[in-house]
Amino acid sequence: MCFGISFILLGIEKIGNEIENPFGHDLNDLPIDMICEGVTANIEPAIAYSPK
């Protein structure tokens, strides 16, 4: 019983530590570089557009 409760609580703590820092270059981190490149690729044409 004690092992089961300890396993659950330590698992919750590990999940909390992973959620605290979602940015970086680990396998399970958010791909922030790809997101920024996608936003830039979508915004640049809108900025370059000038209605006549």
PDB file of N, CA and C in Angstrom:
ATOM      1  N   MET A   1       0.829  -1.186   0.000  1.00  0.00           N
ATOM      2  CA  MET A   1       0.000   0.000   0.000  1.00  0.00           C
ATOM      3  C   MET A   1       0.884   1.265   0.000  1.00  0.00           C
ATOM      4  N   CYS A   2       1.891   1.262   0.849  1.00  0.00           N
ATOM      5  CA  CYS A   2       2.798   2.408   0.941  1.00  0.00           C
ATOM      6  C   CYS A   2       3.562   2.593  -0.380  1.00  0.00           C
ATOM      7  N   PHE A   3       3.978   1.503  -1.000  1.00  0.00           N
ATOM      8  CA  PHE A   3       4.686   1.577  -2.276  1.00  0.00           C
ATOM      9  C   PHE A   3       3.794   2.192  -3.348  1.00  0.00           C
ATOM     10  N   GLY A   4       2.555   1.792  -3.399  1.00  0.00           N
ATOM     11  CA  GLY A   4       1.625   2.318  -4.405  1.00  0.00           C
ATOM     12  C   GLY A   4       1.400   3.810  -4.254  1.00  0.00           C
ATOM     13  N   ILE A   5       1.185   4.259  -3.021  1.00  0.00           N
ATOM     14  CA  ILE A   5       0.968   5.688  -2.780  1.00  0.00           C
ATOM     15  C   ILE A   5       2.240   6.472  -3.096  1.00  0.00           C
ATOM     16  N   SER A   6       3.388   5.953  -2.703  1.00  0.00           N
ATOM     17  CA  SER A   6       4.658   6.623  -2.991  1.00  0.00           C
ATOM     18  C   SER A   6       4.901   6.719  -4.493  1.00  0.00           C
ATOM     19  N   PHE A   7       4.601   5.646  -5.206  1.00  0.00           N
ATOM     20  CA  PHE A   7       4.779   5.633  -6.653  1.00  0.00           C
ATOM     21  C   PHE A   7       3.902   6.698  -7.313  1.00  0.00           C
ATOM     22  N   ILE A   8       2.669   6.811  -6.882  1.00  0.00           N
ATOM     23  CA  ILE A   8       1.744   7.804  -7.446  1.00  0.00           C
ATOM     24  C   ILE A   8       2.224   9.218  -7.142  1.00  0.00           C
ATOM     25  N   LEU A   9       2.599   9.485  -5.900  1.00  0.00           N
ATOM     26  CA  LEU A   9       3.039  10.830  -5.532  1.00  0.00           C
ATOM     27  C   LEU A   9       4.334  11.230  -6.228  1.00  0.00           C
ATOM     28  N   LEU A  10       5.281  10.312  -6.342  1.00  0.00           N
ATOM     29  CA  LEU A  10       6.516  10.628  -7.049  1.00  0.00           C
ATOM     30  C   LEU A  10       6.263  10.829  -8.541  1.00  0.00           C
ATOM     31  N   GLY A  11       5.316  10.089  -9.091  1.00  0.00           N
ATOM     32  CA  GLY A  11       4.948  10.283 -10.492  1.00  0.00           C
ATOM     33  C   GLY A  11       4.342  11.650 -10.725  1.00  0.00           C
ATOM     34  N   ILE A  12       3.474  12.084  -9.821  1.00  0.00           N
ATOM     35  CA  ILE A  12       2.873  13.415  -9.934  1.00  0.00           C
ATOM     36  C   ILE A  12       3.948  14.491  -9.829  1.00  0.00           C
ATOM     37  N   GLU A  13       4.913  14.303  -8.937  1.00  0.00           N
ATOM     38  CA  GLU A  13       5.996  15.280  -8.822  1.00  0.00           C
ATOM     39  C   GLU A  13       6.825  15.343 -10.103  1.00  0.00           C
ATOM     40  N   LYS A  14       7.114  14.196 -10.700  1.00  0.00           N
ATOM     41  CA  LYS A  14       7.889  14.166 -11.952  1.00  0.00           C
ATOM     42  C   LYS A  14       7.132  14.878 -13.074  1.00  0.00           C
ATOM     43  N   ILE A  15       5.834  14.655 -13.155  1.00  0.00           N
ATOM     44  CA  ILE A  15       5.014  15.338 -14.163  1.00  0.00           C
ATOM     45  C   ILE A  15       5.047  16.840 -13.934  1.00  0.00           C
ATOM     46  N   GLY A  16       4.946  17.265 -12.673  1.00  0.00           N
ATOM     47  CA  GLY A  16       5.002  18.692 -12.358  1.00  0.00           C
ATOM     48  C   GLY A  16       6.316  19.319 -12.774  1.00  0.00           C
ATOM     49  N   ASN A  17       7.414  18.614 -12.562  1.00  0.00           N
ATOM     50  CA  ASN A  17       8.718  19.136 -12.974  1.00  0.00           C
ATOM     51  C   ASN A  17       8.817  19.269 -14.486  1.00  0.00           C
ATOM     52  N   GLU A  18       8.247  18.357 -15.217  1.00  0.00           N
ATOM     53  CA  GLU A  18       8.286  18.429 -16.683  1.00  0.00           C
ATOM     54  C   GLU A  18       7.400  19.568 -17.188  1.00  0.00           C
ATOM     55  N   ILE A  19       6.281  19.807 -16.540  1.00  0.00           N
ATOM     56  CA  ILE A  19       5.359  20.862 -16.976  1.00  0.00           C
ATOM     57  C   ILE A  19       5.924  22.248 -16.660  1.00  0.00           C
ATOM     58  N   GLU A  20       6.724  22.376 -15.613  1.00  0.00           N
ATOM     59  CA  GLU A  20       7.287  23.668 -15.227  1.00  0.00           C
ATOM     60  C   GLU A  20       8.148  24.279 -16.315  1.00  0.00           C
ATOM     61  N   ASN A  21       8.851  23.478 -17.073  1.00  0.00           N
ATOM     62  CA  ASN A  21       9.784  23.991 -18.066  1.00  0.00           C
ATOM     63  C   ASN A  21       9.500  23.341 -19.427  1.00  0.00           C
ATOM     64  N   PRO A  22       8.510  23.871 -20.172  1.00  0.00           N
ATOM     65  CA  PRO A  22       8.143  23.225 -21.435  1.00  0.00           C
ATOM     66  C   PRO A  22       9.053  23.576 -22.610  1.00  0.00           C
ATOM     67  N   PHE A  23       9.950  24.540 -22.434  1.00  0.00           N
ATOM     68  CA  PHE A  23      10.808  24.976 -23.528  1.00  0.00           C
ATOM     69  C   PHE A  23      12.211  24.434 -23.337  1.00  0.00           C
ATOM     70  N   GLY A  24      12.837  24.066 -24.406  1.00  0.00           N
ATOM     71  CA  GLY A  24      14.195  23.536 -24.353  1.00  0.00           C
ATOM     72  C   GLY A  24      14.444  22.657 -25.563  1.00  0.00           C
ATOM     73  N   HIS A  25      15.377  21.749 -25.431  1.00  0.00           N
ATOM     74  CA  HIS A  25      15.737  20.894 -26.561  1.00  0.00           C
ATOM     75  C   HIS A  25      15.652  19.416 -26.211  1.00  0.00           C
ATOM     76  N   ASP A  26      14.913  19.083 -25.157  1.00  0.00           N
ATOM     77  CA  ASP A  26      14.697  17.680 -24.822  1.00  0.00           C
ATOM     78  C   ASP A  26      13.650  17.088 -25.759  1.00  0.00           C
ATOM     79  N   LEU A  27      13.540  15.784 -25.776  1.00  0.00           N
ATOM     80  CA  LEU A  27      12.611  15.097 -26.671  1.00  0.00           C
ATOM     81  C   LEU A  27      11.157  15.491 -26.423  1.00  0.00           C
ATOM     82  N   ASN A  28      10.780  15.710 -25.174  1.00  0.00           N
ATOM     83  CA  ASN A  28       9.390  15.982 -24.861  1.00  0.00           C
ATOM     84  C   ASN A  28       9.092  17.470 -24.687  1.00  0.00           C
ATOM     85  N   ASP A  29       9.983  18.368 -25.076  1.00  0.00           N
ATOM     86  CA  ASP A  29       9.746  19.802 -24.977  1.00  0.00           C
ATOM     87  C   ASP A  29       8.981  20.294 -26.197  1.00  0.00           C
ATOM     88  N   LEU A  30       8.365  21.463 -26.048  1.00  0.00           N
ATOM     89  CA  LEU A  30       7.626  22.055 -27.154  1.00  0.00           C
ATOM     90  C   LEU A  30       8.582  22.483 -28.264  1.00  0.00           C
ATOM     91  N   PRO A  31       8.203  22.292 -29.515  1.00  0.00           N
ATOM     92  CA  PRO A  31       9.083  22.685 -30.633  1.00  0.00           C
ATOM     93  C   PRO A  31       8.970  24.179 -30.911  1.00  0.00           C
ATOM     94  N   ILE A  32       9.443  25.009 -29.979  1.00  0.00           N
ATOM     95  CA  ILE A  32       9.262  26.454 -30.072  1.00  0.00           C
ATOM     96  C   ILE A  32       9.977  27.043 -31.290  1.00  0.00           C
ATOM     97  N   ASP A  33      11.101  26.472 -31.703  1.00  0.00           N
ATOM     98  CA  ASP A  33      11.805  26.982 -32.889  1.00  0.00           C
ATOM     99  C   ASP A  33      10.951  26.798 -34.138  1.00  0.00           C
ATOM    100  N   MET A  34      10.329  25.636 -34.277  1.00  0.00           N
ATOM    101  CA  MET A  34       9.467  25.391 -35.442  1.00  0.00           C
ATOM    102  C   MET A  34       8.223  26.267 -35.397  1.00  0.00           C
ATOM    103  N   ILE A  35       7.682  26.497 -34.221  1.00  0.00           N
ATOM    104  CA  ILE A  35       6.499  27.359 -34.086  1.00  0.00           C
ATOM    105  C   ILE A  35       6.850  28.782 -34.507  1.00  0.00           C
ATOM    106  N   CYS A  36       8.005  29.284 -34.058  1.00  0.00           N
ATOM    107  CA  CYS A  36       8.427  30.647 -34.420  1.00  0.00           C
ATOM    108  C   CYS A  36       8.678  30.772 -35.921  1.00  0.00           C
ATOM    109  N   GLU A  37       9.286  29.758 -36.513  1.00  0.00           N
ATOM    110  CA  GLU A  37       9.512  29.785 -37.959  1.00  0.00           C
ATOM    111  C   GLU A  37       8.189  29.798 -38.717  1.00  0.00           C
ATOM    112  N   GLY A  38       7.217  29.045 -38.254  1.00  0.00           N
ATOM    113  CA  GLY A  38       5.908  29.025 -38.895  1.00  0.00           C
ATOM    114  C   GLY A  38       5.189  30.360 -38.782  1.00  0.00           C
ATOM    115  N   VAL A  39       5.271  30.977 -37.616  1.00  0.00           N
ATOM    116  CA  VAL A  39       4.649  32.292 -37.430  1.00  0.00           C
ATOM    117  C   VAL A  39       5.324  33.315 -38.321  1.00  0.00           C
ATOM    118  N   THR A  40       6.651  33.283 -38.370  1.00  0.00           N
ATOM    119  CA  THR A  40       7.393  34.220 -39.215  1.00  0.00           C
ATOM    120  C   THR A  40       7.032  34.032 -40.684  1.00  0.00           C
ATOM    121  N   ALA A  41       6.943  32.792 -41.134  1.00  0.00           N
ATOM    122  CA  ALA A  41       6.603  32.514 -42.534  1.00  0.00           C
ATOM    123  C   ALA A  41       5.194  33.001 -42.865  1.00  0.00           C
ATOM    124  N   ASN A  42       4.294  32.986 -41.912  1.00  0.00           N
ATOM    125  CA  ASN A  42       2.930  33.438 -42.168  1.00  0.00           C
ATOM    126  C   ASN A  42       2.777  34.950 -42.032  1.00  0.00           C
ATOM    127  N   ILE A  43       3.589  35.594 -41.222  1.00  0.00           N
ATOM    128  CA  ILE A  43       3.476  37.037 -40.991  1.00  0.00           C
ATOM    129  C   ILE A  43       4.210  37.851 -42.053  1.00  0.00           C
ATOM    130  N   GLU A  44       5.343  37.365 -42.538  1.00  0.00           N
ATOM    131  CA  GLU A  44       6.127  38.142 -43.508  1.00  0.00           C
ATOM    132  C   GLU A  44       5.329  38.501 -44.769  1.00  0.00           C
ATOM    133  N   PRO A  45       4.556  37.588 -45.366  1.00  0.00           N
ATOM    134  CA  PRO A  45       3.767  38.001 -46.531  1.00  0.00           C
ATOM    135  C   PRO A  45       2.714  39.062 -46.187  1.00  0.00           C
ATOM    136  N   ALA A  46       2.156  38.996 -44.996  1.00  0.00           N
ATOM    137  CA  ALA A  46       1.163  39.988 -44.600  1.00  0.00           C
ATOM    138  C   ALA A  46       1.804  41.346 -44.406  1.00  0.00           C
ATOM    139  N   ILE A  47       3.023  41.383 -43.904  1.00  0.00           N
ATOM    140  CA  ILE A  47       3.726  42.651 -43.728  1.00  0.00           C
ATOM    141  C   ILE A  47       4.151  43.214 -45.079  1.00  0.00           C
ATOM    142  N   ALA A  48       4.569  42.342 -45.998  1.00  0.00           N
ATOM    143  CA  ALA A  48       5.033  42.780 -47.309  1.00  0.00           C
ATOM    144  C   ALA A  48       3.896  43.259 -48.200  1.00  0.00           C
ATOM    145  N   TYR A  49       2.680  42.827 -47.920  1.00  0.00           N
ATOM    146  CA  TYR A  49       1.531  43.203 -48.732  1.00  0.00           C
ATOM    147  C   TYR A  49       1.223  44.684 -48.543  1.00  0.00           C
ATOM    148  N   SER A  50       1.160  45.400 -49.658  1.00  0.00           N
ATOM    149  CA  SER A  50       0.790  46.812 -49.580  1.00  0.00           C
ATOM    150  C   SER A  50      -0.328  47.076 -50.579  1.00  0.00           C
ATOM    151  N   PRO A  51      -1.518  47.378 -50.091  1.00  0.00           N
ATOM    152  CA  PRO A  51      -2.631  47.634 -51.011  1.00  0.00           C
ATOM    153  C   PRO A  51      -2.406  48.916 -51.811  1.00  0.00           C
ATOM    154  N   LYS A  52      -2.831  48.878 -53.062  1.00  0.00           N
ATOM    155  CA  LYS A  52      -2.625  50.054 -53.932  1.00  0.00           C
ATOM    156  C   LYS A  52      -3.934  50.720 -54.210  1.00  0.00           C
TER     157      LYS A  52
END
